[in-house]
Amino acid sequence: MGPGVASSYTVGGKVVAIPYQNQVGVLEYRADLLREYGYDHPPRTWGELERMAARIQTGERAKGKKDFWGYVWPGAAADL
Protein backbone atom coordinates (compact mmCIF):
# COMPACT_ATOMS: atom_id res chain seq x y z
CA MET A 1 0.00 0.00 0.00
CA GLY A 2 1.43 3.36 -0.99
CA PRO A 3 1.98 6.16 1.52
CA GLY A 4 -1.01 8.17 0.24
CA VAL A 5 -3.38 5.24 0.65
CA ALA A 6 -1.94 4.18 3.99
CA SER A 7 -2.36 7.65 5.45
CA SER A 8 -6.11 7.53 4.87
CA TYR A 9 -6.31 4.48 7.17
CA THR A 10 -4.12 5.93 9.90
CA VAL A 11 -5.10 8.09 12.86
CA GLY A 12 -2.55 9.36 15.36
CA GLY A 13 0.15 7.14 13.84
CA LYS A 14 -1.92 3.96 14.30
CA VAL A 15 -3.59 1.93 11.59
CA VAL A 16 -7.31 1.95 12.34
CA ALA A 17 -8.67 0.31 9.19
CA ILE A 18 -7.64 -1.74 6.19
CA PRO A 19 -9.10 -1.60 2.69
CA TYR A 20 -11.66 -4.28 1.90
CA GLN A 21 -10.83 -4.18 -1.80
CA ASN A 22 -7.90 -2.58 -3.51
CA GLN A 23 -8.48 -1.99 -7.20
CA VAL A 24 -5.49 -0.74 -9.14
CA GLY A 25 -4.57 -0.78 -12.78
CA VAL A 26 -1.28 -2.30 -13.84
CA LEU A 27 0.48 -2.71 -17.16
CA GLU A 28 2.17 -6.04 -17.70
CA TYR A 29 4.57 -6.17 -20.61
CA ARG A 30 7.14 -8.44 -22.22
CA ALA A 31 10.58 -6.93 -21.76
CA ASP A 32 12.01 -9.38 -24.30
CA LEU A 33 9.76 -8.02 -27.04
CA LEU A 34 10.47 -4.43 -26.09
CA ARG A 35 14.21 -5.11 -26.40
CA GLU A 36 13.77 -7.01 -29.66
CA TYR A 37 11.99 -4.04 -31.23
CA GLY A 38 14.49 -1.48 -29.96
CA TYR A 39 12.70 -0.07 -26.92
CA ASP A 40 14.62 0.54 -23.70
CA HIS A 41 11.58 1.30 -21.51
CA PRO A 42 7.90 0.38 -21.27
CA PRO A 43 5.36 2.84 -22.68
CA ARG A 44 4.92 6.02 -20.66
CA THR A 45 1.83 7.42 -22.38
CA TRP A 46 -1.27 5.99 -24.07
CA GLY A 47 0.07 7.23 -27.43
CA GLU A 48 3.39 5.53 -26.87
CA LEU A 49 1.60 2.33 -25.87
CA GLU A 50 -0.43 2.44 -29.08
CA ARG A 51 2.62 3.00 -31.30
CA MET A 52 4.77 0.38 -29.58
CA ALA A 53 2.01 -2.24 -29.54
CA ALA A 54 1.21 -1.70 -33.22
CA ARG A 55 4.85 -2.02 -34.24
CA ILE A 56 5.41 -5.17 -32.19
CA GLN A 57 2.13 -6.70 -33.39
CA THR A 58 3.01 -6.02 -37.02
CA GLY A 59 6.47 -7.52 -36.56
CA GLU A 60 5.23 -10.65 -34.81
CA ARG A 61 2.49 -11.23 -37.36
CA ALA A 62 5.06 -10.88 -40.15
CA LYS A 63 6.89 -13.79 -38.50
CA GLY A 64 3.78 -15.92 -38.96
CA LYS A 65 2.11 -15.40 -35.59
CA LYS A 66 -1.24 -14.41 -37.15
CA ASP A 67 -3.10 -14.37 -33.82
CA PHE A 68 -0.55 -12.19 -32.01
CA TRP A 69 -2.00 -9.06 -30.38
CA GLY A 70 0.15 -6.11 -29.34
CA TYR A 71 -2.19 -5.12 -26.53
CA VAL A 72 -5.08 -6.84 -24.78
CA TRP A 73 -7.15 -5.74 -21.82
CA PRO A 74 -9.92 -7.18 -19.64
CA GLY A 75 -12.85 -5.31 -21.12
CA ALA A 76 -15.62 -7.28 -19.44
CA ALA A 77 -16.87 -6.64 -15.93
CA ALA A 78 -15.08 -8.75 -13.35
CA ASP A 79 -16.84 -10.78 -10.70
CA LEU A 80 -15.66 -9.27 -7.44
PDB file of N, CA and C in Angstrom:
ATOM      1  N   MET A   1       0.854  -1.171   0.000  1.00  0.00           N
ATOM      2  CA  MET A   1       0.000   0.000   0.000  1.00  0.00           C
ATOM      3  C   MET A   1       0.898   1.231   0.000  1.00  0.00           C
ATOM      4  N   GLY A   2       0.622   2.158  -0.899  1.00  0.00           N
ATOM      5  CA  GLY A   2       1.430   3.363  -0.993  1.00  0.00           C
ATOM      6  C   GLY A   2       1.192   4.301   0.168  1.00  0.00           C
ATOM      7  N   PRO A   3       2.101   5.248   0.388  1.00  0.00           N
ATOM      8  CA  PRO A   3       1.977   6.163   1.522  1.00  0.00           C
ATOM      9  C   PRO A   3       0.691   6.982   1.501  1.00  0.00           C
ATOM     10  N   GLY A   4       0.219   7.395   0.328  1.00  0.00           N
ATOM     11  CA  GLY A   4      -1.012   8.166   0.239  1.00  0.00           C
ATOM     12  C   GLY A   4      -2.221   7.363   0.675  1.00  0.00           C
ATOM     13  N   VAL A   5      -2.270   6.119   0.274  1.00  0.00           N
ATOM     14  CA  VAL A   5      -3.381   5.244   0.650  1.00  0.00           C
ATOM     15  C   VAL A   5      -3.294   4.904   2.130  1.00  0.00           C
ATOM     16  N   ALA A   6      -2.106   4.562   2.589  1.00  0.00           N
ATOM     17  CA  ALA A   6      -1.938   4.177   3.995  1.00  0.00           C
ATOM     18  C   ALA A   6      -2.333   5.306   4.934  1.00  0.00           C
ATOM     19  N   SER A   7      -2.048   6.540   4.562  1.00  0.00           N
ATOM     20  CA  SER A   7      -2.359   7.653   5.454  1.00  0.00           C
ATOM     21  C   SER A   7      -3.859   7.814   5.667  1.00  0.00           C
ATOM     22  N   SER A   8      -4.662   7.400   4.703  1.00  0.00           N
ATOM     23  CA  SER A   8      -6.106   7.529   4.866  1.00  0.00           C
ATOM     24  C   SER A   8      -6.673   6.490   5.828  1.00  0.00           C
ATOM     25  N   TYR A   9      -5.880   5.514   6.220  1.00  0.00           N
ATOM     26  CA  TYR A   9      -6.311   4.485   7.169  1.00  0.00           C
ATOM     27  C   TYR A   9      -5.581   4.610   8.507  1.00  0.00           C
ATOM     28  N   THR A  10      -4.921   5.734   8.705  1.00  0.00           N
ATOM     29  CA  THR A  10      -4.116   5.933   9.902  1.00  0.00           C
ATOM     30  C   THR A  10      -4.618   7.146  10.681  1.00  0.00           C
ATOM     31  N   VAL A  11      -4.718   6.981  11.985  1.00  0.00           N
ATOM     32  CA  VAL A  11      -5.101   8.088  12.863  1.00  0.00           C
ATOM     33  C   VAL A  11      -4.118   8.108  14.022  1.00  0.00           C
ATOM     34  N   GLY A  12      -3.500   9.247  14.256  1.00  0.00           N
ATOM     35  CA  GLY A  12      -2.545   9.357  15.355  1.00  0.00           C
ATOM     36  C   GLY A  12      -1.389   8.375  15.263  1.00  0.00           C
ATOM     37  N   GLY A  13      -0.979   8.058  14.036  1.00  0.00           N
ATOM     38  CA  GLY A  13       0.148   7.144  13.843  1.00  0.00           C
ATOM     39  C   GLY A  13      -0.210   5.674  13.973  1.00  0.00           C
ATOM     40  N   LYS A  14      -1.490   5.355  14.170  1.00  0.00           N
ATOM     41  CA  LYS A  14      -1.923   3.963  14.304  1.00  0.00           C
ATOM     42  C   LYS A  14      -2.878   3.605  13.170  1.00  0.00           C
ATOM     43  N   VAL A  15      -2.689   2.417  12.632  1.00  0.00           N
ATOM     44  CA  VAL A  15      -3.585   1.928  11.587  1.00  0.00           C
ATOM     45  C   VAL A  15      -4.919   1.570  12.241  1.00  0.00           C
ATOM     46  N   VAL A  16      -5.991   2.174  11.753  1.00  0.00           N
ATOM     47  CA  VAL A  16      -7.312   1.947  12.343  1.00  0.00           C
ATOM     48  C   VAL A  16      -8.256   1.224  11.387  1.00  0.00           C
ATOM     49  N   ALA A  17      -7.833   1.008  10.165  1.00  0.00           N
ATOM     50  CA  ALA A  17      -8.667   0.314   9.193  1.00  0.00           C
ATOM     51  C   ALA A  17      -7.769  -0.267   8.104  1.00  0.00           C
ATOM     52  N   ILE A  18      -8.330  -1.201   7.359  1.00  0.00           N
ATOM     53  CA  ILE A  18      -7.639  -1.743   6.189  1.00  0.00           C
ATOM     54  C   ILE A  18      -8.641  -1.768   5.042  1.00  0.00           C
ATOM     55  N   PRO A  19      -8.170  -1.601   3.823  1.00  0.00           N
ATOM     56  CA  PRO A  19      -9.105  -1.599   2.694  1.00  0.00           C
ATOM     57  C   PRO A  19      -9.698  -2.986   2.476  1.00  0.00           C
ATOM     58  N   TYR A  20     -10.990  -3.017   2.189  1.00  0.00           N
ATOM     59  CA  TYR A  20     -11.665  -4.282   1.896  1.00  0.00           C
ATOM     60  C   TYR A  20     -11.270  -4.771   0.513  1.00  0.00           C
ATOM     61  N   GLN A  21     -11.260  -3.865  -0.442  1.00  0.00           N
ATOM     62  CA  GLN A  21     -10.834  -4.183  -1.795  1.00  0.00           C
ATOM     63  C   GLN A  21      -9.873  -3.109  -2.265  1.00  0.00           C
ATOM     64  N   ASN A  22      -8.856  -3.521  -2.961  1.00  0.00           N
ATOM     65  CA  ASN A  22      -7.896  -2.579  -3.506  1.00  0.00           C
ATOM     66  C   ASN A  22      -7.868  -2.784  -5.012  1.00  0.00           C
ATOM     67  N   GLN A  23      -8.426  -1.865  -5.757  1.00  0.00           N
ATOM     68  CA  GLN A  23      -8.481  -1.993  -7.201  1.00  0.00           C
ATOM     69  C   GLN A  23      -7.499  -1.016  -7.835  1.00  0.00           C
ATOM     70  N   VAL A  24      -6.500  -1.563  -8.482  1.00  0.00           N
ATOM     71  CA  VAL A  24      -5.494  -0.741  -9.143  1.00  0.00           C
ATOM     72  C   VAL A  24      -5.283  -1.266 -10.554  1.00  0.00           C
ATOM     73  N   GLY A  25      -4.910  -0.381 -11.428  1.00  0.00           N
ATOM     74  CA  GLY A  25      -4.575  -0.781 -12.782  1.00  0.00           C
ATOM     75  C   GLY A  25      -3.074  -0.997 -12.901  1.00  0.00           C
ATOM     76  N   VAL A  26      -2.692  -2.027 -13.613  1.00  0.00           N
ATOM     77  CA  VAL A  26      -1.277  -2.300 -13.844  1.00  0.00           C
ATOM     78  C   VAL A  26      -1.068  -2.604 -15.325  1.00  0.00           C
ATOM     79  N   LEU A  27       0.108  -2.362 -15.795  1.00  0.00           N
ATOM     80  CA  LEU A  27       0.478  -2.709 -17.158  1.00  0.00           C
ATOM     81  C   LEU A  27       1.536  -3.803 -17.080  1.00  0.00           C
ATOM     82  N   GLU A  28       1.194  -4.960 -17.594  1.00  0.00           N
ATOM     83  CA  GLU A  28       2.171  -6.039 -17.702  1.00  0.00           C
ATOM     84  C   GLU A  28       2.701  -6.014 -19.127  1.00  0.00           C
ATOM     85  N   TYR A  29       3.992  -6.243 -19.272  1.00  0.00           N
ATOM     86  CA  TYR A  29       4.573  -6.175 -20.608  1.00  0.00           C
ATOM     87  C   TYR A  29       5.701  -7.182 -20.720  1.00  0.00           C
ATOM     88  N   ARG A  30       6.051  -7.493 -21.954  1.00  0.00           N
ATOM     89  CA  ARG A  30       7.137  -8.439 -22.218  1.00  0.00           C
ATOM     90  C   ARG A  30       8.405  -7.665 -22.539  1.00  0.00           C
ATOM     91  N   ALA A  31       9.317  -7.649 -21.590  1.00  0.00           N
ATOM     92  CA  ALA A  31      10.576  -6.927 -21.762  1.00  0.00           C
ATOM     93  C   ALA A  31      11.378  -7.489 -22.936  1.00  0.00           C
ATOM     94  N   ASP A  32      11.278  -8.794 -23.187  1.00  0.00           N
ATOM     95  CA  ASP A  32      12.014  -9.383 -24.298  1.00  0.00           C
ATOM     96  C   ASP A  32      11.553  -8.810 -25.636  1.00  0.00           C
ATOM     97  N   LEU A  33      10.249  -8.600 -25.792  1.00  0.00           N
ATOM     98  CA  LEU A  33       9.757  -8.021 -27.043  1.00  0.00           C
ATOM     99  C   LEU A  33      10.100  -6.544 -27.149  1.00  0.00           C
ATOM    100  N   LEU A  34      10.061  -5.838 -26.041  1.00  0.00           N
ATOM    101  CA  LEU A  34      10.466  -4.431 -26.085  1.00  0.00           C
ATOM    102  C   LEU A  34      11.909  -4.312 -26.564  1.00  0.00           C
ATOM    103  N   ARG A  35      12.794  -5.129 -25.983  1.00  0.00           N
ATOM    104  CA  ARG A  35      14.208  -5.106 -26.397  1.00  0.00           C
ATOM    105  C   ARG A  35      14.363  -5.482 -27.870  1.00  0.00           C
ATOM    106  N   GLU A  36      13.659  -6.533 -28.280  1.00  0.00           N
ATOM    107  CA  GLU A  36      13.766  -7.010 -29.660  1.00  0.00           C
ATOM    108  C   GLU A  36      13.391  -5.924 -30.677  1.00  0.00           C
ATOM    109  N   TYR A  37      12.440  -5.077 -30.319  1.00  0.00           N
ATOM    110  CA  TYR A  37      11.990  -4.037 -31.227  1.00  0.00           C
ATOM    111  C   TYR A  37      12.625  -2.681 -30.939  1.00  0.00           C
ATOM    112  N   GLY A  38      13.690  -2.686 -30.142  1.00  0.00           N
ATOM    113  CA  GLY A  38      14.492  -1.483 -29.965  1.00  0.00           C
ATOM    114  C   GLY A  38      14.046  -0.518 -28.884  1.00  0.00           C
ATOM    115  N   TYR A  39      13.153  -0.952 -27.992  1.00  0.00           N
ATOM    116  CA  TYR A  39      12.696  -0.069 -26.918  1.00  0.00           C
ATOM    117  C   TYR A  39      13.484  -0.345 -25.645  1.00  0.00           C
ATOM    118  N   ASP A  40      13.860   0.713 -24.939  1.00  0.00           N
ATOM    119  CA  ASP A  40      14.618   0.544 -23.699  1.00  0.00           C
ATOM    120  C   ASP A  40      13.781   0.849 -22.455  1.00  0.00           C
ATOM    121  N   HIS A  41      12.475   1.040 -22.639  1.00  0.00           N
ATOM    122  CA  HIS A  41      11.585   1.298 -21.509  1.00  0.00           C
ATOM    123  C   HIS A  41      10.165   0.932 -21.911  1.00  0.00           C
ATOM    124  N   PRO A  42       9.312   0.629 -20.952  1.00  0.00           N
ATOM    125  CA  PRO A  42       7.903   0.378 -21.269  1.00  0.00           C
ATOM    126  C   PRO A  42       7.223   1.685 -21.673  1.00  0.00           C
ATOM    127  N   PRO A  43       6.048   1.614 -22.275  1.00  0.00           N
ATOM    128  CA  PRO A  43       5.359   2.840 -22.678  1.00  0.00           C
ATOM    129  C   PRO A  43       5.051   3.736 -21.484  1.00  0.00           C
ATOM    130  N   ARG A  44       5.164   5.041 -21.720  1.00  0.00           N
ATOM    131  CA  ARG A  44       4.915   6.022 -20.660  1.00  0.00           C
ATOM    132  C   ARG A  44       3.615   6.788 -20.863  1.00  0.00           C
ATOM    133  N   THR A  45       3.078   6.728 -22.075  1.00  0.00           N
ATOM    134  CA  THR A  45       1.825   7.421 -22.382  1.00  0.00           C
ATOM    135  C   THR A  45       0.936   6.468 -23.174  1.00  0.00           C
ATOM    136  N   TRP A  46      -0.354   6.814 -23.274  1.00  0.00           N
ATOM    137  CA  TRP A  46      -1.266   5.994 -24.073  1.00  0.00           C
ATOM    138  C   TRP A  46      -0.842   6.007 -25.538  1.00  0.00           C
ATOM    139  N   GLY A  47      -0.387   7.146 -26.040  1.00  0.00           N
ATOM    140  CA  GLY A  47       0.065   7.233 -27.427  1.00  0.00           C
ATOM    141  C   GLY A  47       1.271   6.351 -27.686  1.00  0.00           C
ATOM    142  N   GLU A  48       2.201   6.367 -26.743  1.00  0.00           N
ATOM    143  CA  GLU A  48       3.390   5.531 -26.873  1.00  0.00           C
ATOM    144  C   GLU A  48       2.998   4.051 -26.818  1.00  0.00           C
ATOM    145  N   LEU A  49       2.082   3.704 -25.944  1.00  0.00           N
ATOM    146  CA  LEU A  49       1.599   2.325 -25.869  1.00  0.00           C
ATOM    147  C   LEU A  49       1.013   1.896 -27.211  1.00  0.00           C
ATOM    148  N   GLU A  50       0.201   2.763 -27.803  1.00  0.00           N
ATOM    149  CA  GLU A  50      -0.427   2.435 -29.080  1.00  0.00           C
ATOM    150  C   GLU A  50       0.612   2.221 -30.178  1.00  0.00           C
ATOM    151  N   ARG A  51       1.589   3.114 -30.265  1.00  0.00           N
ATOM    152  CA  ARG A  51       2.620   2.995 -31.302  1.00  0.00           C
ATOM    153  C   ARG A  51       3.487   1.762 -31.099  1.00  0.00           C
ATOM    154  N   MET A  52       3.901   1.523 -29.873  1.00  0.00           N
ATOM    155  CA  MET A  52       4.769   0.377 -29.584  1.00  0.00           C
ATOM    156  C   MET A  52       4.041  -0.938 -29.836  1.00  0.00           C
ATOM    157  N   ALA A  53       2.791  -1.012 -29.367  1.00  0.00           N
ATOM    158  CA  ALA A  53       2.012  -2.236 -29.538  1.00  0.00           C
ATOM    159  C   ALA A  53       1.769  -2.530 -31.016  1.00  0.00           C
ATOM    160  N   ALA A  54       1.456  -1.507 -31.787  1.00  0.00           N
ATOM    161  CA  ALA A  54       1.206  -1.701 -33.219  1.00  0.00           C
ATOM    162  C   ALA A  54       2.465  -2.191 -33.929  1.00  0.00           C
ATOM    163  N   ARG A  55       3.595  -1.611 -33.591  1.00  0.00           N
ATOM    164  CA  ARG A  55       4.853  -2.016 -34.236  1.00  0.00           C
ATOM    165  C   ARG A  55       5.204  -3.457 -33.886  1.00  0.00           C
ATOM    166  N   ILE A  56       5.088  -3.804 -32.619  1.00  0.00           N
ATOM    167  CA  ILE A  56       5.409  -5.168 -32.187  1.00  0.00           C
ATOM    168  C   ILE A  56       4.419  -6.158 -32.801  1.00  0.00           C
ATOM    169  N   GLN A  57       3.148  -5.815 -32.802  1.00  0.00           N
ATOM    170  CA  GLN A  57       2.134  -6.700 -33.387  1.00  0.00           C
ATOM    171  C   GLN A  57       2.414  -6.948 -34.859  1.00  0.00           C
ATOM    172  N   THR A  58       2.715  -5.888 -35.593  1.00  0.00           N
ATOM    173  CA  THR A  58       3.014  -6.017 -37.021  1.00  0.00           C
ATOM    174  C   THR A  58       4.226  -6.922 -37.234  1.00  0.00           C
ATOM    175  N   GLY A  59       5.264  -6.713 -36.438  1.00  0.00           N
ATOM    176  CA  GLY A  59       6.471  -7.524 -36.557  1.00  0.00           C
ATOM    177  C   GLY A  59       6.241  -8.988 -36.241  1.00  0.00           C
ATOM    178  N   GLU A  60       5.491  -9.265 -35.196  1.00  0.00           N
ATOM    179  CA  GLU A  60       5.234 -10.646 -34.807  1.00  0.00           C
ATOM    180  C   GLU A  60       4.324 -11.347 -35.816  1.00  0.00           C
ATOM    181  N   ARG A  61       3.354 -10.630 -36.350  1.00  0.00           N
ATOM    182  CA  ARG A  61       2.490 -11.230 -37.361  1.00  0.00           C
ATOM    183  C   ARG A  61       3.260 -11.501 -38.646  1.00  0.00           C
ATOM    184  N   ALA A  62       4.232 -10.659 -38.967  1.00  0.00           N
ATOM    185  CA  ALA A  62       5.063 -10.882 -40.153  1.00  0.00           C
ATOM    186  C   ALA A  62       5.902 -12.146 -40.004  1.00  0.00           C
ATOM    187  N   LYS A  63       6.150 -12.553 -38.768  1.00  0.00           N
ATOM    188  CA  LYS A  63       6.893 -13.793 -38.500  1.00  0.00           C
ATOM    189  C   LYS A  63       5.985 -15.019 -38.567  1.00  0.00           C
ATOM    190  N   GLY A  64       4.701 -14.802 -38.854  1.00  0.00           N
ATOM    191  CA  GLY A  64       3.779 -15.923 -38.962  1.00  0.00           C
ATOM    192  C   GLY A  64       2.856 -16.124 -37.781  1.00  0.00           C
ATOM    193  N   LYS A  65       2.972 -15.285 -36.776  1.00  0.00           N
ATOM    194  CA  LYS A  65       2.105 -15.396 -35.590  1.00  0.00           C
ATOM    195  C   LYS A  65       0.836 -14.588 -35.859  1.00  0.00           C
ATOM    196  N   LYS A  66      -0.062 -15.141 -36.659  1.00  0.00           N
ATOM    197  CA  LYS A  66      -1.236 -14.406 -37.153  1.00  0.00           C
ATOM    198  C   LYS A  66      -2.209 -14.004 -36.047  1.00  0.00           C
ATOM    199  N   ASP A  67      -2.197 -14.705 -34.919  1.00  0.00           N
ATOM    200  CA  ASP A  67      -3.104 -14.374 -33.819  1.00  0.00           C
ATOM    201  C   ASP A  67      -2.432 -13.556 -32.726  1.00  0.00           C
ATOM    202  N   PHE A  68      -1.270 -12.976 -33.012  1.00  0.00           N
ATOM    203  CA  PHE A  68      -0.553 -12.187 -32.012  1.00  0.00           C
ATOM    204  C   PHE A  68      -1.197 -10.814 -31.895  1.00  0.00           C
ATOM    205  N   TRP A  69      -1.448 -10.394 -30.646  1.00  0.00           N
ATOM    206  CA  TRP A  69      -2.000  -9.063 -30.383  1.00  0.00           C
ATOM    207  C   TRP A  69      -0.996  -8.250 -29.603  1.00  0.00           C
ATOM    208  N   GLY A  70      -0.813  -6.990 -29.994  1.00  0.00           N
ATOM    209  CA  GLY A  70       0.147  -6.111 -29.341  1.00  0.00           C
ATOM    210  C   GLY A  70      -0.330  -5.595 -28.003  1.00  0.00           C
ATOM    211  N   TYR A  71      -1.643  -5.615 -27.790  1.00  0.00           N
ATOM    212  CA  TYR A  71      -2.189  -5.119 -26.530  1.00  0.00           C
ATOM    213  C   TYR A  71      -3.552  -5.765 -26.319  1.00  0.00           C
ATOM    214  N   VAL A  72      -3.778  -6.304 -25.150  1.00  0.00           N
ATOM    215  CA  VAL A  72      -5.083  -6.840 -24.780  1.00  0.00           C
ATOM    216  C   VAL A  72      -5.438  -6.303 -23.402  1.00  0.00           C
ATOM    217  N   TRP A  73      -6.708  -6.243 -23.118  1.00  0.00           N
ATOM    218  CA  TRP A  73      -7.146  -5.737 -21.820  1.00  0.00           C
ATOM    219  C   TRP A  73      -8.434  -6.447 -21.413  1.00  0.00           C
ATOM    220  N   PRO A  74      -8.692  -6.545 -20.111  1.00  0.00           N
ATOM    221  CA  PRO A  74      -9.918  -7.183 -19.643  1.00  0.00           C
ATOM    222  C   PRO A  74     -11.093  -6.221 -19.773  1.00  0.00           C
ATOM    223  N   GLY A  75     -11.800  -6.266 -20.862  1.00  0.00           N
ATOM    224  CA  GLY A  75     -12.851  -5.310 -21.118  1.00  0.00           C
ATOM    225  C   GLY A  75     -14.193  -5.659 -20.498  1.00  0.00           C
ATOM    226  N   ALA A  76     -14.357  -6.883 -20.032  1.00  0.00           N
ATOM    227  CA  ALA A  76     -15.621  -7.283 -19.435  1.00  0.00           C
ATOM    228  C   ALA A  76     -15.606  -6.989 -17.931  1.00  0.00           C
ATOM    229  N   ALA A  77     -16.764  -6.849 -17.375  1.00  0.00           N
ATOM    230  CA  ALA A  77     -16.866  -6.639 -15.933  1.00  0.00           C
ATOM    231  C   ALA A  77     -16.354  -7.877 -15.202  1.00  0.00           C
ATOM    232  N   ALA A  78     -15.623  -7.654 -14.150  1.00  0.00           N
ATOM    233  CA  ALA A  78     -15.079  -8.753 -13.353  1.00  0.00           C
ATOM    234  C   ALA A  78     -16.039  -9.099 -12.221  1.00  0.00           C
ATOM    235  N   ASP A  79     -16.063 -10.361 -11.857  1.00  0.00           N
ATOM    236  CA  ASP A  79     -16.842 -10.784 -10.697  1.00  0.00           C
ATOM    237  C   ASP A  79     -16.002 -10.541  -9.455  1.00  0.00           C
ATOM    238  N   LEU A  80     -16.408  -9.583  -8.656  1.00  0.00           N
ATOM    239  CA  LEU A  80     -15.659  -9.269  -7.435  1.00  0.00           C
ATOM    240  C   LEU A  80     -16.392  -9.749  -6.226  1.00  0.00           C
TER     241      LEU A  80
END
